[in-house]
């Protein structure tokens, strides 16, 4: 479960139809380990779910090693969102 008080701002939030810079996103999350960041808003539940799965497995490579970052997808106000956090001590 994500604590809304624990969500940080990740620069260059991805919106549907735009390409994101996961190195930039991951860098922000690595510097704020343990805090959740909104990675982006996606066009479908499937694309959001797939990205959350990939992040947990270290794909894109900015989130490596596999298992170093948590990620979840959820729908908020009709938007398909992905939140992620990098774990402390990794």
PDB file of N, CA and C in Angstrom:
ATOM      1  N   UNK A   1       0.837  -1.178   0.000  1.00  0.00           N
ATOM      2  CA  UNK A   1       0.000   0.000   0.000  1.00  0.00           C
ATOM      3  C   UNK A   1       0.880   1.238   0.000  1.00  0.00           C
ATOM      4  N   UNK A   2       0.539   2.213  -0.793  1.00  0.00           N
ATOM      5  CA  UNK A   2       1.303   3.449  -0.894  1.00  0.00           C
ATOM      6  C   UNK A   2       0.736   4.474   0.081  1.00  0.00           C
ATOM      7  N   UNK A   3       1.620   5.044   0.885  1.00  0.00           N
ATOM      8  CA  UNK A   3       1.225   6.132   1.778  1.00  0.00           C
ATOM      9  C   UNK A   3       1.371   7.431   0.992  1.00  0.00           C
ATOM     10  N   UNK A   4       0.272   8.132   0.784  1.00  0.00           N
ATOM     11  CA  UNK A   4       0.288   9.348  -0.045  1.00  0.00           C
ATOM     12  C   UNK A   4       1.259  10.388   0.497  1.00  0.00           C
ATOM     13  N   UNK A   5       1.517  10.385   1.798  1.00  0.00           N
ATOM     14  CA  UNK A   5       2.468  11.325   2.382  1.00  0.00           C
ATOM     15  C   UNK A   5       3.909  10.963   2.025  1.00  0.00           C
ATOM     16  N   UNK A   6       4.099   9.774   1.487  1.00  0.00           N
ATOM     17  CA  UNK A   6       5.421   9.272   1.156  1.00  0.00           C
ATOM     18  C   UNK A   6       5.749   9.411  -0.331  1.00  0.00           C
ATOM     19  N   UNK A   7       4.844   9.989  -1.130  1.00  0.00           N
ATOM     20  CA  UNK A   7       5.053  10.123  -2.574  1.00  0.00           C
ATOM     21  C   UNK A   7       5.842  11.398  -2.861  1.00  0.00           C
ATOM     22  N   UNK A   8       6.914  11.255  -3.640  1.00  0.00           N
ATOM     23  CA  UNK A   8       7.737  12.396  -4.028  1.00  0.00           C
ATOM     24  C   UNK A   8       7.448  12.780  -5.471  1.00  0.00           C
ATOM     25  N   UNK A   9       7.870  13.959  -5.856  1.00  0.00           N
ATOM     26  CA  UNK A   9       7.727  14.405  -7.239  1.00  0.00           C
ATOM     27  C   UNK A   9       8.864  13.838  -8.069  1.00  0.00           C
ATOM     28  N   UNK A  10       8.530  13.189  -9.165  1.00  0.00           N
ATOM     29  CA  UNK A  10       9.524  12.696 -10.118  1.00  0.00           C
ATOM     30  C   UNK A  10       9.453  13.616 -11.325  1.00  0.00           C
ATOM     31  N   UNK A  11      10.569  14.250 -11.700  1.00  0.00           N
ATOM     32  CA  UNK A  11      10.525  15.200 -12.819  1.00  0.00           C
ATOM     33  C   UNK A  11      10.095  14.565 -14.138  1.00  0.00           C
ATOM     34  N   UNK A  12       9.538  15.387 -14.996  1.00  0.00           N
ATOM     35  CA  UNK A  12       9.164  14.979 -16.357  1.00  0.00           C
ATOM     36  C   UNK A  12       8.178  13.826 -16.355  1.00  0.00           C
ATOM     37  N   UNK A  13       7.143  13.950 -15.542  1.00  0.00           N
ATOM     38  CA  UNK A  13       6.105  12.935 -15.447  1.00  0.00           C
ATOM     39  C   UNK A  13       5.613  12.537 -16.833  1.00  0.00           C
ATOM     40  N   UNK A  14       5.552  11.249 -17.077  1.00  0.00           N
ATOM     41  CA  UNK A  14       5.108  10.728 -18.368  1.00  0.00           C
ATOM     42  C   UNK A  14       3.591  10.816 -18.456  1.00  0.00           C
ATOM     43  N   UNK A  15       3.109  11.322 -19.529  1.00  0.00           N
ATOM     44  CA  UNK A  15       1.680  11.391 -19.829  1.00  0.00           C
ATOM     45  C   UNK A  15       1.410  10.446 -21.010  1.00  0.00           C
ATOM     46  N   UNK A  16       0.189   9.996 -21.185  1.00  0.00           N
ATOM     47  CA  UNK A  16      -0.105   9.106 -22.315  1.00  0.00           C
ATOM     48  C   UNK A  16       0.393   9.685 -23.648  1.00  0.00           C
ATOM     49  N   UNK A  17       1.061   8.833 -24.418  1.00  0.00           N
ATOM     50  CA  UNK A  17       1.556   9.247 -25.727  1.00  0.00           C
ATOM     51  C   UNK A  17       2.937   9.870 -25.712  1.00  0.00           C
ATOM     52  N   UNK A  18       3.503  10.106 -24.532  1.00  0.00           N
ATOM     53  CA  UNK A  18       4.843  10.708 -24.435  1.00  0.00           C
ATOM     54  C   UNK A  18       5.843   9.642 -24.011  1.00  0.00           C
ATOM     55  N   UNK A  19       7.091   9.835 -24.399  1.00  0.00           N
ATOM     56  CA  UNK A  19       8.140   8.905 -23.980  1.00  0.00           C
ATOM     57  C   UNK A  19       8.799   9.449 -22.719  1.00  0.00           C
ATOM     58  N   UNK A  20       9.091   8.557 -21.787  1.00  0.00           N
ATOM     59  CA  UNK A  20       9.704   8.972 -20.531  1.00  0.00           C
ATOM     60  C   UNK A  20      11.180   8.657 -20.484  1.00  0.00           C
ATOM     61  N   UNK A  21      11.886   9.328 -19.605  1.00  0.00           N
ATOM     62  CA  UNK A  21      13.312   9.098 -19.397  1.00  0.00           C
ATOM     63  C   UNK A  21      13.480   8.345 -18.086  1.00  0.00           C
ATOM     64  N   UNK A  22      13.543   7.024 -18.167  1.00  0.00           N
ATOM     65  CA  UNK A  22      13.610   6.220 -16.951  1.00  0.00           C
ATOM     66  C   UNK A  22      14.910   6.402 -16.191  1.00  0.00           C
ATOM     67  N   UNK A  23      15.980   6.792 -16.852  1.00  0.00           N
ATOM     68  CA  UNK A  23      17.217   7.080 -16.108  1.00  0.00           C
ATOM     69  C   UNK A  23      16.995   8.251 -15.163  1.00  0.00           C
ATOM     70  N   UNK A  24      16.307   9.268 -15.640  1.00  0.00           N
ATOM     71  CA  UNK A  24      16.004  10.430 -14.809  1.00  0.00           C
ATOM     72  C   UNK A  24      15.066  10.037 -13.670  1.00  0.00           C
ATOM     73  N   UNK A  25      14.031   9.261 -13.969  1.00  0.00           N
ATOM     74  CA  UNK A  25      13.089   8.834 -12.943  1.00  0.00           C
ATOM     75  C   UNK A  25      13.804   8.021 -11.875  1.00  0.00           C
ATOM     76  N   UNK A  26      14.577   7.017 -12.319  1.00  0.00           N
ATOM     77  CA  UNK A  26      15.263   6.136 -11.381  1.00  0.00           C
ATOM     78  C   UNK A  26      16.282   6.903 -10.541  1.00  0.00           C
ATOM     79  N   UNK A  27      16.992   7.843 -11.147  1.00  0.00           N
ATOM     80  CA  UNK A  27      17.963   8.638 -10.402  1.00  0.00           C
ATOM     81  C   UNK A  27      17.276   9.375  -9.248  1.00  0.00           C
ATOM     82  N   UNK A  28      16.119   9.956  -9.528  1.00  0.00           N
ATOM     83  CA  UNK A  28      15.362  10.649  -8.488  1.00  0.00           C
ATOM     84  C   UNK A  28      14.954   9.677  -7.388  1.00  0.00           C
ATOM     85  N   UNK A  29      14.502   8.492  -7.769  1.00  0.00           N
ATOM     86  CA  UNK A  29      14.078   7.502  -6.780  1.00  0.00           C
ATOM     87  C   UNK A  29      15.251   6.944  -5.982  1.00  0.00           C
ATOM     88  N   UNK A  30      16.394   6.736  -6.626  1.00  0.00           N
ATOM     89  CA  UNK A  30      17.568   6.234  -5.902  1.00  0.00           C
ATOM     90  C   UNK A  30      18.035   7.253  -4.864  1.00  0.00           C
ATOM     91  N   UNK A  31      17.947   8.537  -5.204  1.00  0.00           N
ATOM     92  CA  UNK A  31      18.354   9.573  -4.242  1.00  0.00           C
ATOM     93  C   UNK A  31      17.371   9.703  -3.081  1.00  0.00           C
ATOM     94  N   UNK A  32      16.135   9.289  -3.288  1.00  0.00           N
ATOM     95  CA  UNK A  32      15.095   9.384  -2.254  1.00  0.00           C
ATOM     96  C   UNK A  32      14.631   7.980  -1.866  1.00  0.00           C
ATOM     97  N   UNK A  33      15.573   7.091  -1.634  1.00  0.00           N
ATOM     98  CA  UNK A  33      15.247   5.690  -1.353  1.00  0.00           C
ATOM     99  C   UNK A  33      14.170   5.563  -0.281  1.00  0.00           C
ATOM    100  N   UNK A  34      13.262   4.631  -0.556  1.00  0.00           N
ATOM    101  CA  UNK A  34      12.187   4.358   0.378  1.00  0.00           C
ATOM    102  C   UNK A  34      10.928   5.176   0.126  1.00  0.00           C
ATOM    103  N   UNK A  35      11.027   6.216  -0.685  1.00  0.00           N
ATOM    104  CA  UNK A  35       9.876   7.055  -0.991  1.00  0.00           C
ATOM    105  C   UNK A  35       9.295   6.652  -2.348  1.00  0.00           C
ATOM    106  N   UNK A  36       7.976   6.656  -2.436  1.00  0.00           N
ATOM    107  CA  UNK A  36       7.296   6.349  -3.690  1.00  0.00           C
ATOM    108  C   UNK A  36       7.306   7.568  -4.598  1.00  0.00           C
ATOM    109  N   UNK A  37       7.439   7.326  -5.894  1.00  0.00           N
ATOM    110  CA  UNK A  37       7.351   8.386  -6.892  1.00  0.00           C
ATOM    111  C   UNK A  37       6.375   7.986  -7.978  1.00  0.00           C
ATOM    112  N   UNK A  38       5.619   8.950  -8.450  1.00  0.00           N
ATOM    113  CA  UNK A  38       4.702   8.707  -9.567  1.00  0.00           C
ATOM    114  C   UNK A  38       5.520   8.710 -10.849  1.00  0.00           C
ATOM    115  N   UNK A  39       5.669   7.550 -11.453  1.00  0.00           N
ATOM    116  CA  UNK A  39       6.466   7.413 -12.669  1.00  0.00           C
ATOM    117  C   UNK A  39       5.719   7.946 -13.877  1.00  0.00           C
ATOM    118  N   UNK A  40       4.426   7.671 -13.960  1.00  0.00           N
ATOM    119  CA  UNK A  40       3.700   8.164 -15.122  1.00  0.00           C
ATOM    120  C   UNK A  40       2.258   7.755 -15.137  1.00  0.00           C
ATOM    121  N   UNK A  41       1.550   8.353 -16.073  1.00  0.00           N
ATOM    122  CA  UNK A  41       0.149   8.061 -16.348  1.00  0.00           C
ATOM    123  C   UNK A  41       0.109   7.418 -17.731  1.00  0.00           C
ATOM    124  N   UNK A  42      -0.530   6.252 -17.820  1.00  0.00           N
ATOM    125  CA  UNK A  42      -0.497   5.454 -19.041  1.00  0.00           C
ATOM    126  C   UNK A  42      -1.889   5.325 -19.639  1.00  0.00           C
ATOM    127  N   UNK A  43      -1.941   5.004 -20.905  1.00  0.00           N
ATOM    128  CA  UNK A  43      -3.198   4.959 -21.636  1.00  0.00           C
ATOM    129  C   UNK A  43      -4.090   3.781 -21.297  1.00  0.00           C
ATOM    130  N   UNK A  44      -3.492   2.684 -20.823  1.00  0.00           N
ATOM    131  CA  UNK A  44      -4.282   1.498 -20.498  1.00  0.00           C
ATOM    132  C   UNK A  44      -3.775   0.867 -19.209  1.00  0.00           C
ATOM    133  N   UNK A  45      -4.659   0.105 -18.574  1.00  0.00           N
ATOM    134  CA  UNK A  45      -4.269  -0.638 -17.375  1.00  0.00           C
ATOM    135  C   UNK A  45      -3.160  -1.625 -17.731  1.00  0.00           C
ATOM    136  N   UNK A  46      -3.268  -2.243 -18.898  1.00  0.00           N
ATOM    137  CA  UNK A  46      -2.276  -3.225 -19.334  1.00  0.00           C
ATOM    138  C   UNK A  46      -0.883  -2.626 -19.441  1.00  0.00           C
ATOM    139  N   UNK A  47      -0.756  -1.445 -20.038  1.00  0.00           N
ATOM    140  CA  UNK A  47       0.572  -0.846 -20.187  1.00  0.00           C
ATOM    141  C   UNK A  47       1.134  -0.431 -18.829  1.00  0.00           C
ATOM    142  N   UNK A  48       0.291   0.060 -17.932  1.00  0.00           N
ATOM    143  CA  UNK A  48       0.757   0.432 -16.596  1.00  0.00           C
ATOM    144  C   UNK A  48       1.198  -0.807 -15.816  1.00  0.00           C
ATOM    145  N   UNK A  49       0.412  -1.863 -15.900  1.00  0.00           N
ATOM    146  CA  UNK A  49       0.742  -3.104 -15.203  1.00  0.00           C
ATOM    147  C   UNK A  49       2.041  -3.702 -15.725  1.00  0.00           C
ATOM    148  N   UNK A  50       2.214  -3.675 -17.032  1.00  0.00           N
ATOM    149  CA  UNK A  50       3.438  -4.208 -17.644  1.00  0.00           C
ATOM    150  C   UNK A  50       4.663  -3.438 -17.182  1.00  0.00           C
ATOM    151  N   UNK A  51       4.587  -2.102 -17.171  1.00  0.00           N
ATOM    152  CA  UNK A  51       5.743  -1.321 -16.731  1.00  0.00           C
ATOM    153  C   UNK A  51       6.065  -1.599 -15.270  1.00  0.00           C
ATOM    154  N   UNK A  52       5.062  -1.679 -14.402  1.00  0.00           N
ATOM    155  CA  UNK A  52       5.320  -1.971 -12.991  1.00  0.00           C
ATOM    156  C   UNK A  52       6.039  -3.319 -12.856  1.00  0.00           C
ATOM    157  N   UNK A  53       5.602  -4.313 -13.609  1.00  0.00           N
ATOM    158  CA  UNK A  53       6.240  -5.629 -13.608  1.00  0.00           C
ATOM    159  C   UNK A  53       7.700  -5.526 -14.068  1.00  0.00           C
ATOM    160  N   UNK A  54       7.935  -4.755 -15.132  1.00  0.00           N
ATOM    161  CA  UNK A  54       9.289  -4.595 -15.664  1.00  0.00           C
ATOM    162  C   UNK A  54      10.201  -3.912 -14.644  1.00  0.00           C
ATOM    163  N   UNK A  55       9.717  -2.868 -14.001  1.00  0.00           N
ATOM    164  CA  UNK A  55      10.530  -2.149 -13.017  1.00  0.00           C
ATOM    165  C   UNK A  55      10.943  -3.095 -11.892  1.00  0.00           C
ATOM    166  N   UNK A  56      10.026  -3.904 -11.401  1.00  0.00           N
ATOM    167  CA  UNK A  56      10.355  -4.851 -10.328  1.00  0.00           C
ATOM    168  C   UNK A  56      11.430  -5.847 -10.757  1.00  0.00           C
ATOM    169  N   UNK A  57      11.540  -6.092 -12.046  1.00  0.00           N
ATOM    170  CA  UNK A  57      12.528  -7.036 -12.572  1.00  0.00           C
ATOM    171  C   UNK A  57      13.791  -6.365 -13.119  1.00  0.00           C
ATOM    172  N   UNK A  58      13.910  -5.062 -12.896  1.00  0.00           N
ATOM    173  CA  UNK A  58      15.119  -4.360 -13.319  1.00  0.00           C
ATOM    174  C   UNK A  58      15.122  -3.946 -14.772  1.00  0.00           C
ATOM    175  N   UNK A  59      13.962  -3.811 -15.364  1.00  0.00           N
ATOM    176  CA  UNK A  59      13.818  -3.351 -16.743  1.00  0.00           C
ATOM    177  C   UNK A  59      12.915  -2.133 -16.725  1.00  0.00           C
ATOM    178  N   UNK A  60      13.261  -1.044 -17.251  1.00  0.00           N
ATOM    179  CA  UNK A  60      14.516  -0.660 -17.873  1.00  0.00           C
ATOM    180  C   UNK A  60      15.709  -0.779 -16.904  1.00  0.00           C
ATOM    181  N   UNK A  61      16.897  -0.817 -17.468  1.00  0.00           N
ATOM    182  CA  UNK A  61      18.108  -1.100 -16.700  1.00  0.00           C
ATOM    183  C   UNK A  61      18.383  -0.094 -15.581  1.00  0.00           C
ATOM    184  N   UNK A  62      17.811   1.084 -15.642  1.00  0.00           N
ATOM    185  CA  UNK A  62      18.018   2.095 -14.597  1.00  0.00           C
ATOM    186  C   UNK A  62      17.507   1.614 -13.239  1.00  0.00           C
ATOM    187  N   UNK A  63      16.623   0.605 -13.228  1.00  0.00           N
ATOM    188  CA  UNK A  63      16.050   0.103 -11.983  1.00  0.00           C
ATOM    189  C   UNK A  63      16.744  -1.159 -11.484  1.00  0.00           C
ATOM    190  N   UNK A  64      17.907  -1.497 -12.042  1.00  0.00           N
ATOM    191  CA  UNK A  64      18.648  -2.699 -11.649  1.00  0.00           C
ATOM    192  C   UNK A  64      19.421  -2.459 -10.374  1.00  0.00           C
ATOM    193  N   UNK A  65      19.710  -3.528  -9.641  1.00  0.00           N
ATOM    194  CA  UNK A  65      19.462  -4.929  -9.953  1.00  0.00           C
ATOM    195  C   UNK A  65      18.000  -5.297  -9.773  1.00  0.00           C
ATOM    196  N   UNK A  66      17.611  -6.399 -10.400  1.00  0.00           N
ATOM    197  CA  UNK A  66      16.232  -6.871 -10.277  1.00  0.00           C
ATOM    198  C   UNK A  66      15.882  -7.013  -8.804  1.00  0.00           C
ATOM    199  N   UNK A  67      14.708  -6.541  -8.436  1.00  0.00           N
ATOM    200  CA  UNK A  67      14.254  -6.610  -7.055  1.00  0.00           C
ATOM    201  C   UNK A  67      14.656  -5.419  -6.198  1.00  0.00           C
ATOM    202  N   UNK A  68      15.471  -4.521  -6.748  1.00  0.00           N
ATOM    203  CA  UNK A  68      15.931  -3.362  -5.993  1.00  0.00           C
ATOM    204  C   UNK A  68      14.852  -2.288  -5.865  1.00  0.00           C
ATOM    205  N   UNK A  69      13.874  -2.320  -6.756  1.00  0.00           N
ATOM    206  CA  UNK A  69      12.800  -1.323  -6.744  1.00  0.00           C
ATOM    207  C   UNK A  69      11.452  -2.021  -6.684  1.00  0.00           C
ATOM    208  N   UNK A  70      10.540  -1.414  -5.944  1.00  0.00           N
ATOM    209  CA  UNK A  70       9.150  -1.852  -5.925  1.00  0.00           C
ATOM    210  C   UNK A  70       8.396  -1.010  -6.939  1.00  0.00           C
ATOM    211  N   UNK A  71       7.329  -1.546  -7.496  1.00  0.00           N
ATOM    212  CA  UNK A  71       6.481  -0.783  -8.409  1.00  0.00           C
ATOM    213  C   UNK A  71       5.070  -1.340  -8.350  1.00  0.00           C
ATOM    214  N   UNK A  72       4.099  -0.447  -8.450  1.00  0.00           N
ATOM    215  CA  UNK A  72       2.695  -0.841  -8.475  1.00  0.00           C
ATOM    216  C   UNK A  72       1.986  -0.028  -9.541  1.00  0.00           C
ATOM    217  N   UNK A  73       0.928  -0.604 -10.084  1.00  0.00           N
ATOM    218  CA  UNK A  73       0.061   0.140 -10.985  1.00  0.00           C
ATOM    219  C   UNK A  73      -1.304   0.237 -10.319  1.00  0.00           C
ATOM    220  N   UNK A  74      -1.975   1.337 -10.550  1.00  0.00           N
ATOM    221  CA  UNK A  74      -3.312   1.527  -9.978  1.00  0.00           C
ATOM    222  C   UNK A  74      -4.064   2.555 -10.817  1.00  0.00           C
ATOM    223  N   UNK A  75      -5.369   2.558 -10.658  1.00  0.00           N
ATOM    224  CA  UNK A  75      -6.204   3.524 -11.356  1.00  0.00           C
ATOM    225  C   UNK A  75      -6.691   4.542 -10.334  1.00  0.00           C
ATOM    226  N   UNK A  76      -6.429   5.821 -10.613  1.00  0.00           N
ATOM    227  CA  UNK A  76      -6.820   6.915  -9.731  1.00  0.00           C
ATOM    228  C   UNK A  76      -7.558   7.944 -10.579  1.00  0.00           C
ATOM    229  N   UNK A  77      -8.802   8.185 -10.257  1.00  0.00           N
ATOM    230  CA  UNK A  77      -9.577   9.167 -11.009  1.00  0.00           C
ATOM    231  C   UNK A  77      -9.635   8.881 -12.495  1.00  0.00           C
ATOM    232  N   UNK A  78      -9.659   7.600 -12.856  1.00  0.00           N
ATOM    233  CA  UNK A  78      -9.714   7.215 -14.264  1.00  0.00           C
ATOM    234  C   UNK A  78      -8.366   7.181 -14.967  1.00  0.00           C
ATOM    235  N   UNK A  79      -7.281   7.517 -14.251  1.00  0.00           N
ATOM    236  CA  UNK A  79      -5.930   7.486 -14.833  1.00  0.00           C
ATOM    237  C   UNK A  79      -5.220   6.207 -14.406  1.00  0.00           C
ATOM    238  N   UNK A  80      -4.525   5.580 -15.341  1.00  0.00           N
ATOM    239  CA  UNK A  80      -3.738   4.377 -15.061  1.00  0.00           C
ATOM    240  C   UNK A  80      -2.335   4.834 -14.683  1.00  0.00           C
ATOM    241  N   UNK A  81      -1.979   4.703 -13.421  1.00  0.00           N
ATOM    242  CA  UNK A  81      -0.717   5.238 -12.915  1.00  0.00           C
ATOM    243  C   UNK A  81       0.255   4.143 -12.511  1.00  0.00           C
ATOM    244  N   UNK A  82       1.544   4.483 -12.574  1.00  0.00           N
ATOM    245  CA  UNK A  82       2.597   3.604 -12.065  1.00  0.00           C
ATOM    246  C   UNK A  82       3.381   4.384 -11.019  1.00  0.00           C
ATOM    247  N   UNK A  83       3.504   3.791  -9.842  1.00  0.00           N
ATOM    248  CA  UNK A  83       4.312   4.337  -8.769  1.00  0.00           C
ATOM    249  C   UNK A  83       5.469   3.371  -8.523  1.00  0.00           C
ATOM    250  N   UNK A  84       6.639   3.907  -8.174  1.00  0.00           N
ATOM    251  CA  UNK A  84       7.792   3.056  -7.888  1.00  0.00           C
ATOM    252  C   UNK A  84       8.590   3.661  -6.742  1.00  0.00           C
ATOM    253  N   UNK A  85       9.401   2.801  -6.105  1.00  0.00           N
ATOM    254  CA  UNK A  85      10.348   3.260  -5.099  1.00  0.00           C
ATOM    255  C   UNK A  85      11.549   2.333  -5.122  1.00  0.00           C
ATOM    256  N   UNK A  86      12.698   2.885  -4.850  1.00  0.00           N
ATOM    257  CA  UNK A  86      13.912   2.090  -4.744  1.00  0.00           C
ATOM    258  C   UNK A  86      14.141   1.813  -3.268  1.00  0.00           C
ATOM    259  N   UNK A  87      14.531   0.592  -2.965  1.00  0.00           N
ATOM    260  CA  UNK A  87      14.650   0.144  -1.576  1.00  0.00           C
ATOM    261  C   UNK A  87      15.954   0.630  -0.955  1.00  0.00           C
ATOM    262  N   UNK A  88      15.908   0.876   0.334  1.00  0.00           N
ATOM    263  CA  UNK A  88      17.109   1.239   1.070  1.00  0.00           C
ATOM    264  C   UNK A  88      17.995   0.001   1.213  1.00  0.00           C
ATOM    265  N   UNK A  89      19.281   0.225   1.301  1.00  0.00           N
ATOM    266  CA  UNK A  89      20.212  -0.853   1.541  1.00  0.00           C
ATOM    267  C   UNK A  89      20.531  -1.726   0.358  1.00  0.00           C
ATOM    268  N   UNK A  90      20.149  -1.315  -0.840  1.00  0.00           N
ATOM    269  CA  UNK A  90      20.432  -2.113  -2.046  1.00  0.00           C
ATOM    270  C   UNK A  90      21.597  -1.498  -2.772  1.00  0.00           C
TER     271      UNK A  90
END
